Each structure stands twice: as C-alpha cells, then as structure tokens.
C-alpha cells in the first residue's frame, strides 16, 4: 500500500503515553474487507467508568477478518511483522470468545458462528495457503462447558472438517 493510499484511509493518529511508553493509535476512515455498517453493528464498548463514556472499538473477529483481507490483497501485509499482528489478532479473538462463552452461550453464539464462517471462508483458506497463518487458534476449545452438546457434536465438527 502506498503512502498516498494509506493517507486516504487515515483519519488521524492519536499519540499518548501508557506507563511511560509512547504509543500511537491510527484512526481509520475505512478498513479494507468490511463495511462501515459491519463495524458499527459489531463494535464493542470499552472503558466506560462513571461519567466517562465508552469508546467503541472494532470487535476482535471483524479485526481478524480485516487482517486476513489485507494479507490476501496486499503483499506488504504478508511481512513477518504483519503476520505476527494477524496471529495476535487470532489470539485476541480467541480470548474475547472465551469471555463471551464464560458469560453464556447466548452471548457467544453469534460471535462464534461469525468466527466459524470466517475460518471456513475462501479468504481464510487462501491466506492460510499463501502465508501458513493458522487462524484456527481463534476458536475456543471444544471442551468449554458453555457450548451446547449439539454444537460440539454436529456444527463444530462440520466446520473443522472444512478447515482440513
């Protein structure tokens, strides 16, 4: 991606300090591979305390999809660093899905099904083939007690069979 293409996506960069370490967050106008509506529909509230309003961030499964799309379409996103970031995105999705499962199956069902659709998509298969990135790690273990029996015995094995 050229600097000009990047600048057309970039709304602004927020610089801040976290425990004495300088950090930056790029706020984007759009993200390849997802629509604005998808981002708004699945945004996760973060950091609301007392009178402080929440900041809404992209949910981890949608972020993983963006990372896969970038790795598929832009060679620069197949660098070692970019693939490490995609791998971290899979782990973050994994942790978030476990939190959802710990809450309840009702809270986790839609994000888990969204993850299965992503992992079995042609996009995920292409990226895995091109890069060797294992996105299956995004799924929580089948032994999690919140999974319904039917999901573990029917839906999950069908999805995993598609992954190979």
Protein backbone atom coordinates (compact mmCIF):
# COMPACT_ATOMS: atom_id res chain seq x y z
CA UNK A 1 0.00 0.00 0.00
CA UNK A 2 1.45 3.35 -0.98
CA UNK A 3 1.72 6.32 1.39
CA UNK A 4 -0.98 8.07 -0.63
CA UNK A 5 -3.36 5.09 -0.32
CA UNK A 6 -2.66 4.90 3.44
CA UNK A 7 -3.30 8.62 3.89
CA UNK A 8 -6.67 8.27 2.14
CA UNK A 9 -7.68 5.74 4.85
CA UNK A 10 -6.19 7.59 7.82
CA UNK A 11 -8.50 9.96 9.72
CA UNK A 12 -5.89 10.83 12.36
CA UNK A 13 -3.22 9.40 14.63
CA UNK A 14 -3.70 9.64 18.38
CA UNK A 15 -0.46 9.73 20.37
CA UNK A 16 -0.46 9.01 24.09
CA UNK A 17 1.64 7.66 26.90
CA UNK A 18 0.90 4.35 28.63
CA UNK A 19 3.01 3.55 31.71
CA UNK A 20 5.73 5.84 30.42
CA UNK A 21 5.76 4.26 26.96
CA UNK A 22 4.80 6.35 23.94
CA UNK A 23 2.03 4.75 21.88
CA UNK A 24 0.06 5.56 18.74
CA UNK A 25 -3.36 4.52 17.53
CA UNK A 26 -4.32 5.14 13.92
CA UNK A 27 -8.00 6.02 13.49
CA UNK A 28 -9.12 5.00 10.03
CA UNK A 29 -11.87 6.32 7.78
CA UNK A 30 -12.44 2.82 6.43
CA UNK A 31 -10.95 -0.66 6.59
CA UNK A 32 -10.44 -2.99 3.67
CA UNK A 33 -12.65 -6.05 3.74
CA UNK A 34 -15.50 -4.72 5.89
CA UNK A 35 -18.21 -2.10 5.53
CA UNK A 36 -18.90 0.75 7.94
CA UNK A 37 -22.21 -0.91 8.81
CA UNK A 38 -20.44 -4.14 9.82
CA UNK A 39 -18.08 -2.19 12.06
CA UNK A 40 -20.91 -0.25 13.71
CA UNK A 41 -23.10 -3.34 14.18
CA UNK A 42 -20.37 -5.32 15.93
CA UNK A 43 -18.45 -2.60 17.80
CA UNK A 44 -17.53 -3.40 21.39
CA UNK A 45 -17.80 -0.82 24.19
CA UNK A 46 -14.57 -0.34 26.10
CA UNK A 47 -13.51 1.71 29.09
CA UNK A 48 -16.77 3.20 30.37
CA UNK A 49 -16.45 4.17 34.05
CA UNK A 50 -18.70 6.53 35.99
CA UNK A 51 -19.12 9.67 33.92
CA UNK A 52 -16.55 8.57 31.35
CA UNK A 53 -18.31 7.38 28.19
CA UNK A 54 -17.27 4.20 26.43
CA UNK A 55 -15.05 4.15 23.40
CA UNK A 56 -16.30 1.75 20.76
CA UNK A 57 -13.74 -0.43 19.02
CA UNK A 58 -13.95 -3.00 16.27
CA UNK A 59 -14.73 -6.45 17.61
CA UNK A 60 -11.81 -8.91 17.52
CA UNK A 61 -13.38 -11.27 14.95
CA UNK A 62 -14.03 -8.44 12.50
CA UNK A 63 -10.48 -7.17 13.07
CA UNK A 64 -9.16 -10.65 12.27
CA UNK A 65 -11.18 -10.57 9.05
CA UNK A 66 -9.61 -7.21 8.15
CA UNK A 67 -6.12 -8.63 8.85
CA UNK A 68 -6.85 -11.65 6.63
CA UNK A 69 -8.19 -9.44 3.86
CA UNK A 70 -5.07 -7.27 3.99
CA UNK A 71 -2.78 -10.33 3.93
CA UNK A 72 -4.72 -11.66 0.95
CA UNK A 73 -4.75 -8.46 -1.10
CA UNK A 74 -1.62 -6.52 -0.16
CA UNK A 75 1.82 -8.11 -0.30
CA UNK A 76 3.11 -5.72 2.38
CA UNK A 77 0.72 -7.34 4.83
CA UNK A 78 2.45 -10.69 4.35
CA UNK A 79 5.64 -9.47 6.02
CA UNK A 80 6.79 -11.22 9.19
CA UNK A 81 5.61 -8.31 11.36
CA UNK A 82 2.20 -8.10 9.67
CA UNK A 83 1.65 -11.84 10.00
CA UNK A 84 2.62 -11.67 13.68
CA UNK A 85 -0.02 -8.98 14.11
CA UNK A 86 -2.58 -11.17 12.33
CA UNK A 87 -1.61 -14.06 14.59
CA UNK A 88 -2.08 -11.84 17.65
CA UNK A 89 -5.49 -10.86 16.26
CA UNK A 90 -6.44 -14.56 16.21
CA UNK A 91 -5.36 -14.89 19.87
CA UNK A 92 -7.29 -11.76 20.86
CA UNK A 93 -10.37 -13.14 19.12
CA UNK A 94 -9.82 -16.42 21.00
CA UNK A 95 -9.67 -14.63 24.38
CA UNK A 96 -12.70 -12.48 23.58
CA UNK A 97 -14.74 -15.52 22.52
CA UNK A 98 -13.81 -17.30 25.75
CA UNK A 99 -15.03 -14.24 27.69
CA UNK A 100 -18.29 -14.43 25.76
CA UNK A 101 -18.59 -18.16 26.47
CA UNK A 102 -17.84 -17.58 30.16
CA UNK A 103 -20.74 -15.11 30.15
CA UNK A 104 -23.16 -17.53 28.42
CA UNK A 105 -23.81 -19.43 25.21
CA UNK A 106 -26.42 -16.79 24.33
CA UNK A 107 -23.72 -14.09 24.46
CA UNK A 108 -21.22 -16.18 22.49
CA UNK A 109 -23.38 -17.87 19.85
CA UNK A 110 -23.36 -15.14 17.19
CA UNK A 111 -19.65 -14.26 17.56
CA UNK A 112 -18.72 -17.98 17.50
CA UNK A 113 -20.83 -18.57 14.38
CA UNK A 114 -19.28 -15.48 12.76
CA UNK A 115 -15.84 -16.89 13.57
CA UNK A 116 -16.70 -20.25 12.04
CA UNK A 117 -17.94 -18.54 8.86
CA UNK A 118 -14.70 -16.56 8.68
CA UNK A 119 -12.44 -19.55 9.35
CA UNK A 120 -14.15 -21.69 6.72
CA UNK A 121 -14.29 -18.90 4.13
CA UNK A 122 -12.30 -18.92 0.89
CA UNK A 123 -10.50 -15.82 2.26
CA UNK A 124 -9.13 -17.68 5.30
CA UNK A 125 -8.16 -20.71 3.20
CA UNK A 126 -6.31 -18.51 0.67
CA UNK A 127 -4.41 -16.65 3.39
CA UNK A 128 -3.50 -19.89 5.15
CA UNK A 129 -2.25 -21.31 1.86
CA UNK A 130 -0.27 -18.14 0.98
CA UNK A 131 1.23 -17.48 4.41
CA UNK A 132 0.91 -20.56 6.61
CA UNK A 133 -1.01 -18.47 9.17
CA UNK A 134 -3.12 -20.77 11.36
CA UNK A 135 -6.33 -18.87 12.10
CA UNK A 136 -7.99 -21.87 13.77
CA UNK A 137 -6.49 -20.70 17.06
CA UNK A 138 -9.24 -18.07 17.17
CA UNK A 139 -11.73 -20.76 18.23
CA UNK A 140 -12.08 -21.55 21.91
CA UNK A 141 -11.57 -25.24 22.79
CA UNK A 142 -14.50 -27.59 22.17
CA UNK A 143 -14.35 -28.61 25.83
CA UNK A 144 -15.65 -25.24 27.05
CA UNK A 145 -18.66 -26.01 29.29
CA UNK A 146 -20.88 -23.29 27.76
CA UNK A 147 -21.02 -24.94 24.35
CA UNK A 148 -24.30 -26.81 23.84
CA UNK A 149 -23.89 -30.53 23.15
CA UNK A 150 -25.42 -30.25 19.67
CA UNK A 151 -22.92 -27.57 18.72
CA UNK A 152 -19.96 -29.69 19.89
CA UNK A 153 -21.22 -32.92 18.27
CA UNK A 154 -22.58 -31.53 14.99
CA UNK A 155 -21.81 -27.93 13.97
CA UNK A 156 -18.23 -27.68 15.22
CA UNK A 157 -17.03 -30.97 13.63
CA UNK A 158 -18.59 -29.95 10.28
CA UNK A 159 -16.79 -26.61 10.39
CA UNK A 160 -13.48 -28.14 11.45
CA UNK A 161 -13.71 -30.68 8.63
CA UNK A 162 -13.88 -27.77 6.16
CA UNK A 163 -10.69 -26.37 7.65
CA UNK A 164 -8.80 -29.57 6.91
